[in-house]
């Protein structure tokens, strides 16, 4: 049985010109996942819980001024 990151490694990289939105579940966050996705050149979108804090601030406060199509890492 493949581990989740092994499964991701089997489908990445995708053929040139292919566009895919990668959504990541909150259960798959952590240093190992972030490093593997970075190595693979993946840019996931990860939903945060409303109770998540980023740098001591509520997560929503860090992202509330984003415009459509804008991203913050």
PDB file of N, CA and C in Angstrom:
ATOM      1  N   UNK A   1       0.833  -1.182   0.000  1.00  0.00           N
ATOM      2  CA  UNK A   1       0.000   0.000   0.000  1.00  0.00           C
ATOM      3  C   UNK A   1       0.877   1.244   0.000  1.00  0.00           C
ATOM      4  N   UNK A   2       0.526   2.203  -0.851  1.00  0.00           N
ATOM      5  CA  UNK A   2       1.301   3.435  -0.945  1.00  0.00           C
ATOM      6  C   UNK A   2       0.992   4.377   0.216  1.00  0.00           C
ATOM      7  N   UNK A   3       2.035   5.016   0.709  1.00  0.00           N
ATOM      8  CA  UNK A   3       1.829   6.101   1.668  1.00  0.00           C
ATOM      9  C   UNK A   3       1.286   7.289   0.892  1.00  0.00           C
ATOM     10  N   UNK A   4       0.572   8.219   1.551  1.00  0.00           N
ATOM     11  CA  UNK A   4      -0.025   9.346   0.829  1.00  0.00           C
ATOM     12  C   UNK A   4       0.973  10.142  -0.005  1.00  0.00           C
ATOM     13  N   UNK A   5       2.170  10.423   0.517  1.00  0.00           N
ATOM     14  CA  UNK A   5       3.123  11.214  -0.264  1.00  0.00           C
ATOM     15  C   UNK A   5       3.631  10.416  -1.459  1.00  0.00           C
ATOM     16  N   UNK A   6       3.728   9.089  -1.333  1.00  0.00           N
ATOM     17  CA  UNK A   6       4.125   8.261  -2.476  1.00  0.00           C
ATOM     18  C   UNK A   6       3.075   8.344  -3.583  1.00  0.00           C
ATOM     19  N   UNK A   7       1.827   8.398  -3.199  1.00  0.00           N
ATOM     20  CA  UNK A   7       0.754   8.542  -4.176  1.00  0.00           C
ATOM     21  C   UNK A   7       0.889   9.864  -4.922  1.00  0.00           C
ATOM     22  N   UNK A   8       1.162  10.927  -4.202  1.00  0.00           N
ATOM     23  CA  UNK A   8       1.356  12.236  -4.830  1.00  0.00           C
ATOM     24  C   UNK A   8       2.559  12.188  -5.768  1.00  0.00           C
ATOM     25  N   UNK A   9       3.626  11.541  -5.337  1.00  0.00           N
ATOM     26  CA  UNK A   9       4.834  11.449  -6.168  1.00  0.00           C
ATOM     27  C   UNK A   9       4.578  10.688  -7.469  1.00  0.00           C
ATOM     28  N   UNK A  10       3.604   9.782  -7.484  1.00  0.00           N
ATOM     29  CA  UNK A  10       3.327   9.034  -8.713  1.00  0.00           C
ATOM     30  C   UNK A  10       2.599   9.865  -9.755  1.00  0.00           C
ATOM     31  N   UNK A  11       1.886  10.911  -9.334  1.00  0.00           N
ATOM     32  CA  UNK A  11       1.148  11.736 -10.296  1.00  0.00           C
ATOM     33  C   UNK A  11       1.852  13.046 -10.628  1.00  0.00           C
ATOM     34  N   UNK A  12       2.862  13.406  -9.870  1.00  0.00           N
ATOM     35  CA  UNK A  12       3.631  14.621 -10.167  1.00  0.00           C
ATOM     36  C   UNK A  12       5.006  14.224 -10.649  1.00  0.00           C
ATOM     37  N   UNK A  13       5.614  14.884 -11.585  1.00  0.00           N
ATOM     38  CA  UNK A  13       5.092  16.049 -12.271  1.00  0.00           C
ATOM     39  C   UNK A  13       4.069  15.655 -13.348  1.00  0.00           C
ATOM     40  N   UNK A  14       3.205  16.581 -13.653  1.00  0.00           N
ATOM     41  CA  UNK A  14       2.196  16.383 -14.685  1.00  0.00           C
ATOM     42  C   UNK A  14       2.741  16.832 -16.029  1.00  0.00           C
ATOM     43  N   UNK A  15       2.125  16.402 -17.108  1.00  0.00           N
ATOM     44  CA  UNK A  15       2.591  16.840 -18.431  1.00  0.00           C
ATOM     45  C   UNK A  15       2.594  18.359 -18.562  1.00  0.00           C
ATOM     46  N   UNK A  16       3.511  18.883 -19.338  1.00  0.00           N
ATOM     47  CA  UNK A  16       3.617  20.319 -19.572  1.00  0.00           C
ATOM     48  C   UNK A  16       2.292  20.866 -20.090  1.00  0.00           C
ATOM     49  N   UNK A  17       1.904  22.005 -19.559  1.00  0.00           N
ATOM     50  CA  UNK A  17       0.665  22.638 -19.984  1.00  0.00           C
ATOM     51  C   UNK A  17      -0.557  22.202 -19.195  1.00  0.00           C
ATOM     52  N   UNK A  18      -0.405  21.194 -18.359  1.00  0.00           N
ATOM     53  CA  UNK A  18      -1.516  20.722 -17.539  1.00  0.00           C
ATOM     54  C   UNK A  18      -1.668  21.643 -16.334  1.00  0.00           C
ATOM     55  N   UNK A  19      -2.894  22.084 -16.076  1.00  0.00           N
ATOM     56  CA  UNK A  19      -3.147  22.936 -14.914  1.00  0.00           C
ATOM     57  C   UNK A  19      -4.049  22.184 -13.952  1.00  0.00           C
ATOM     58  N   UNK A  20      -3.625  22.151 -12.705  1.00  0.00           N
ATOM     59  CA  UNK A  20      -4.376  21.429 -11.683  1.00  0.00           C
ATOM     60  C   UNK A  20      -4.395  22.266 -10.415  1.00  0.00           C
ATOM     61  N   UNK A  21      -5.539  22.325  -9.782  1.00  0.00           N
ATOM     62  CA  UNK A  21      -5.627  22.953  -8.475  1.00  0.00           C
ATOM     63  C   UNK A  21      -5.445  21.849  -7.450  1.00  0.00           C
ATOM     64  N   UNK A  22      -4.479  22.009  -6.570  1.00  0.00           N
ATOM     65  CA  UNK A  22      -4.217  20.999  -5.556  1.00  0.00           C
ATOM     66  C   UNK A  22      -4.771  21.479  -4.231  1.00  0.00           C
ATOM     67  N   UNK A  23      -5.783  20.830  -3.764  1.00  0.00           N
ATOM     68  CA  UNK A  23      -6.348  21.151  -2.462  1.00  0.00           C
ATOM     69  C   UNK A  23      -5.821  20.145  -1.451  1.00  0.00           C
ATOM     70  N   UNK A  24      -5.366  20.627  -0.326  1.00  0.00           N
ATOM     71  CA  UNK A  24      -4.826  19.739   0.694  1.00  0.00           C
ATOM     72  C   UNK A  24      -5.726  19.765   1.921  1.00  0.00           C
ATOM     73  N   UNK A  25      -5.956  18.620   2.478  1.00  0.00           N
ATOM     74  CA  UNK A  25      -6.732  18.508   3.702  1.00  0.00           C
ATOM     75  C   UNK A  25      -5.861  18.928   4.880  1.00  0.00           C
ATOM     76  N   UNK A  26      -6.471  19.520   5.876  1.00  0.00           N
ATOM     77  CA  UNK A  26      -5.708  19.963   7.055  1.00  0.00           C
ATOM     78  C   UNK A  26      -4.980  18.818   7.738  1.00  0.00           C
ATOM     79  N   UNK A  27      -5.470  17.603   7.576  1.00  0.00           N
ATOM     80  CA  UNK A  27      -4.821  16.455   8.213  1.00  0.00           C
ATOM     81  C   UNK A  27      -3.447  16.188   7.606  1.00  0.00           C
ATOM     82  N   UNK A  28      -3.193  16.692   6.418  1.00  0.00           N
ATOM     83  CA  UNK A  28      -1.932  16.430   5.731  1.00  0.00           C
ATOM     84  C   UNK A  28      -1.036  17.647   5.734  1.00  0.00           C
ATOM     85  N   UNK A  29      -0.929  18.292   6.880  1.00  0.00           N
ATOM     86  CA  UNK A  29       0.027  19.384   6.990  1.00  0.00           C
ATOM     87  C   UNK A  29       1.101  18.971   7.984  1.00  0.00           C
ATOM     88  N   UNK A  30       2.202  19.601   7.900  1.00  0.00           N
ATOM     89  CA  UNK A  30       3.333  19.266   8.757  1.00  0.00           C
ATOM     90  C   UNK A  30       4.600  19.381   7.934  1.00  0.00           C
ATOM     91  N   UNK A  31       5.713  19.343   8.596  1.00  0.00           N
ATOM     92  CA  UNK A  31       6.994  19.562   7.935  1.00  0.00           C
ATOM     93  C   UNK A  31       7.267  18.561   6.815  1.00  0.00           C
ATOM     94  N   UNK A  32       6.992  17.265   7.050  1.00  0.00           N
ATOM     95  CA  UNK A  32       7.263  16.262   6.014  1.00  0.00           C
ATOM     96  C   UNK A  32       6.461  16.543   4.754  1.00  0.00           C
ATOM     97  N   UNK A  33       5.170  16.857   4.921  1.00  0.00           N
ATOM     98  CA  UNK A  33       4.314  17.150   3.764  1.00  0.00           C
ATOM     99  C   UNK A  33       4.762  18.414   3.049  1.00  0.00           C
ATOM    100  N   UNK A  34       5.024  19.462   3.808  1.00  0.00           N
ATOM    101  CA  UNK A  34       5.423  20.731   3.206  1.00  0.00           C
ATOM    102  C   UNK A  34       6.721  20.550   2.419  1.00  0.00           C
ATOM    103  N   UNK A  35       7.695  19.858   2.993  1.00  0.00           N
ATOM    104  CA  UNK A  35       8.968  19.641   2.313  1.00  0.00           C
ATOM    105  C   UNK A  35       8.794  18.794   1.048  1.00  0.00           C
ATOM    106  N   UNK A  36       7.970  17.756   1.123  1.00  0.00           N
ATOM    107  CA  UNK A  36       7.738  16.903  -0.053  1.00  0.00           C
ATOM    108  C   UNK A  36       7.037  17.682  -1.157  1.00  0.00           C
ATOM    109  N   UNK A  37       6.024  18.447  -0.813  1.00  0.00           N
ATOM    110  CA  UNK A  37       5.309  19.233  -1.822  1.00  0.00           C
ATOM    111  C   UNK A  37       6.213  20.297  -2.427  1.00  0.00           C
ATOM    112  N   UNK A  38       7.049  20.898  -1.602  1.00  0.00           N
ATOM    113  CA  UNK A  38       8.012  21.896  -2.100  1.00  0.00           C
ATOM    114  C   UNK A  38       8.985  21.248  -3.086  1.00  0.00           C
ATOM    115  N   UNK A  39       9.501  20.069  -2.719  1.00  0.00           N
ATOM    116  CA  UNK A  39      10.434  19.340  -3.591  1.00  0.00           C
ATOM    117  C   UNK A  39       9.779  18.996  -4.931  1.00  0.00           C
ATOM    118  N   UNK A  40       8.483  18.701  -4.905  1.00  0.00           N
ATOM    119  CA  UNK A  40       7.753  18.338  -6.111  1.00  0.00           C
ATOM    120  C   UNK A  40       7.261  19.546  -6.897  1.00  0.00           C
ATOM    121  N   UNK A  41       7.474  20.740  -6.366  1.00  0.00           N
ATOM    122  CA  UNK A  41       7.031  21.946  -7.052  1.00  0.00           C
ATOM    123  C   UNK A  41       5.530  22.179  -6.954  1.00  0.00           C
ATOM    124  N   UNK A  42       4.882  21.533  -6.002  1.00  0.00           N
ATOM    125  CA  UNK A  42       3.433  21.676  -5.834  1.00  0.00           C
ATOM    126  C   UNK A  42       3.127  22.910  -4.996  1.00  0.00           C
ATOM    127  N   UNK A  43       2.046  23.571  -5.324  1.00  0.00           N
ATOM    128  CA  UNK A  43       1.593  24.728  -4.567  1.00  0.00           C
ATOM    129  C   UNK A  43       0.164  24.457  -4.110  1.00  0.00           C
ATOM    130  N   UNK A  44       0.009  23.782  -2.975  1.00  0.00           N
ATOM    131  CA  UNK A  44      -1.340  23.416  -2.528  1.00  0.00           C
ATOM    132  C   UNK A  44      -2.086  24.585  -1.904  1.00  0.00           C
ATOM    133  N   UNK A  45      -3.386  24.465  -1.901  1.00  0.00           N
ATOM    134  CA  UNK A  45      -4.250  25.382  -1.156  1.00  0.00           C
ATOM    135  C   UNK A  45      -4.757  24.597   0.043  1.00  0.00           C
ATOM    136  N   UNK A  46      -4.480  25.097   1.217  1.00  0.00           N
ATOM    137  CA  UNK A  46      -4.870  24.387   2.434  1.00  0.00           C
ATOM    138  C   UNK A  46      -5.868  25.241   3.217  1.00  0.00           C
ATOM    139  N   UNK A  47      -7.036  24.672   3.452  1.00  0.00           N
ATOM    140  CA  UNK A  47      -8.043  25.365   4.252  1.00  0.00           C
ATOM    141  C   UNK A  47      -7.608  25.354   5.712  1.00  0.00           C
ATOM    142  N   UNK A  48      -7.854  26.449   6.381  1.00  0.00           N
ATOM    143  CA  UNK A  48      -7.517  26.551   7.793  1.00  0.00           C
ATOM    144  C   UNK A  48      -8.789  26.567   8.629  1.00  0.00           C
ATOM    145  N   UNK A  49      -8.711  25.988   9.819  1.00  0.00           N
ATOM    146  CA  UNK A  49      -9.815  26.084  10.759  1.00  0.00           C
ATOM    147  C   UNK A  49      -9.982  27.538  11.188  1.00  0.00           C
ATOM    148  N   UNK A  50     -11.178  27.936  11.552  1.00  0.00           N
ATOM    149  CA  UNK A  50     -11.390  29.308  12.002  1.00  0.00           C
ATOM    150  C   UNK A  50     -10.624  29.602  13.286  1.00  0.00           C
ATOM    151  N   UNK A  51     -10.254  28.572  14.016  1.00  0.00           N
ATOM    152  CA  UNK A  51      -9.515  28.761  15.269  1.00  0.00           C
ATOM    153  C   UNK A  51      -8.002  28.766  15.076  1.00  0.00           C
ATOM    154  N   UNK A  52      -7.533  28.569  13.844  1.00  0.00           N
ATOM    155  CA  UNK A  52      -6.097  28.551  13.574  1.00  0.00           C
ATOM    156  C   UNK A  52      -5.488  29.926  13.834  1.00  0.00           C
ATOM    157  N   UNK A  53      -4.337  29.922  14.473  1.00  0.00           N
ATOM    158  CA  UNK A  53      -3.626  31.176  14.734  1.00  0.00           C
ATOM    159  C   UNK A  53      -2.335  31.174  13.921  1.00  0.00           C
ATOM    160  N   UNK A  54      -2.008  32.324  13.343  1.00  0.00           N
ATOM    161  CA  UNK A  54      -0.807  32.486  12.525  1.00  0.00           C
ATOM    162  C   UNK A  54      -0.015  33.652  13.109  1.00  0.00           C
ATOM    163  N   UNK A  55       1.153  33.358  13.626  1.00  0.00           N
ATOM    164  CA  UNK A  55       1.955  34.411  14.241  1.00  0.00           C
ATOM    165  C   UNK A  55       1.231  35.119  15.376  1.00  0.00           C
ATOM    166  N   UNK A  56       0.395  34.383  16.106  1.00  0.00           N
ATOM    167  CA  UNK A  56      -0.327  34.954  17.229  1.00  0.00           C
ATOM    168  C   UNK A  56      -1.650  35.610  16.863  1.00  0.00           C
ATOM    169  N   UNK A  57      -1.919  35.779  15.568  1.00  0.00           N
ATOM    170  CA  UNK A  57      -3.171  36.390  15.110  1.00  0.00           C
ATOM    171  C   UNK A  57      -4.153  35.315  14.663  1.00  0.00           C
ATOM    172  N   UNK A  58      -5.447  35.607  14.731  1.00  0.00           N
ATOM    173  CA  UNK A  58      -6.409  34.663  14.149  1.00  0.00           C
ATOM    174  C   UNK A  58      -6.102  34.504  12.659  1.00  0.00           C
ATOM    175  N   UNK A  59      -6.193  33.277  12.156  1.00  0.00           N
ATOM    176  CA  UNK A  59      -5.866  33.017  10.751  1.00  0.00           C
ATOM    177  C   UNK A  59      -6.617  33.906   9.783  1.00  0.00           C
ATOM    178  N   UNK A  60      -7.911  34.153  10.040  1.00  0.00           N
ATOM    179  CA  UNK A  60      -8.706  34.972   9.122  1.00  0.00           C
ATOM    180  C   UNK A  60      -8.146  36.379   9.009  1.00  0.00           C
ATOM    181  N   UNK A  61      -7.542  36.906  10.091  1.00  0.00           N
ATOM    182  CA  UNK A  61      -7.017  38.272  10.073  1.00  0.00           C
ATOM    183  C   UNK A  61      -5.820  38.410   9.133  1.00  0.00           C
ATOM    184  N   UNK A  62      -5.083  37.318   8.944  1.00  0.00           N
ATOM    185  CA  UNK A  62      -3.900  37.342   8.073  1.00  0.00           C
ATOM    186  C   UNK A  62      -4.274  37.348   6.598  1.00  0.00           C
ATOM    187  N   UNK A  63      -5.480  36.902   6.291  1.00  0.00           N
ATOM    188  CA  UNK A  63      -5.863  36.715   4.900  1.00  0.00           C
ATOM    189  C   UNK A  63      -7.056  37.540   4.459  1.00  0.00           C
ATOM    190  N   UNK A  64      -7.648  38.337   5.341  1.00  0.00           N
ATOM    191  CA  UNK A  64      -8.905  39.013   5.029  1.00  0.00           C
ATOM    192  C   UNK A  64      -8.788  40.054   3.923  1.00  0.00           C
ATOM    193  N   UNK A  65      -7.597  40.568   3.654  1.00  0.00           N
ATOM    194  CA  UNK A  65      -7.459  41.596   2.632  1.00  0.00           C
ATOM    195  C   UNK A  65      -6.990  41.045   1.284  1.00  0.00           C
ATOM    196  N   UNK A  66      -6.952  39.727   1.139  1.00  0.00           N
ATOM    197  CA  UNK A  66      -6.542  39.147  -0.143  1.00  0.00           C
ATOM    198  C   UNK A  66      -7.584  39.427  -1.209  1.00  0.00           C
ATOM    199  N   UNK A  67      -7.119  39.717  -2.404  1.00  0.00           N
ATOM    200  CA  UNK A  67      -7.988  39.901  -3.565  1.00  0.00           C
ATOM    201  C   UNK A  67      -8.147  38.570  -4.271  1.00  0.00           C
ATOM    202  N   UNK A  68      -9.192  38.389  -5.077  1.00  0.00           N
ATOM    203  CA  UNK A  68      -9.335  37.142  -5.848  1.00  0.00           C
ATOM    204  C   UNK A  68      -8.071  36.866  -6.671  1.00  0.00           C
ATOM    205  N   UNK A  69      -7.591  35.627  -6.589  1.00  0.00           N
ATOM    206  CA  UNK A  69      -6.383  35.216  -7.315  1.00  0.00           C
ATOM    207  C   UNK A  69      -5.090  35.496  -6.577  1.00  0.00           C
ATOM    208  N   UNK A  70      -5.155  36.271  -5.520  1.00  0.00           N
ATOM    209  CA  UNK A  70      -3.975  36.585  -4.734  1.00  0.00           C
ATOM    210  C   UNK A  70      -3.693  35.440  -3.762  1.00  0.00           C
ATOM    211  N   UNK A  71      -2.466  35.259  -3.376  1.00  0.00           N
ATOM    212  CA  UNK A  71      -2.146  34.207  -2.419  1.00  0.00           C
ATOM    213  C   UNK A  71      -1.174  34.731  -1.382  1.00  0.00           C
ATOM    214  N   UNK A  72      -1.177  34.081  -0.272  1.00  0.00           N
ATOM    215  CA  UNK A  72      -0.268  34.442   0.809  1.00  0.00           C
ATOM    216  C   UNK A  72       0.291  33.147   1.388  1.00  0.00           C
ATOM    217  N   UNK A  73       1.582  33.143   1.608  1.00  0.00           N
ATOM    218  CA  UNK A  73       2.256  31.948   2.125  1.00  0.00           C
ATOM    219  C   UNK A  73       2.840  32.287   3.482  1.00  0.00           C
TER     220      UNK A  73
END
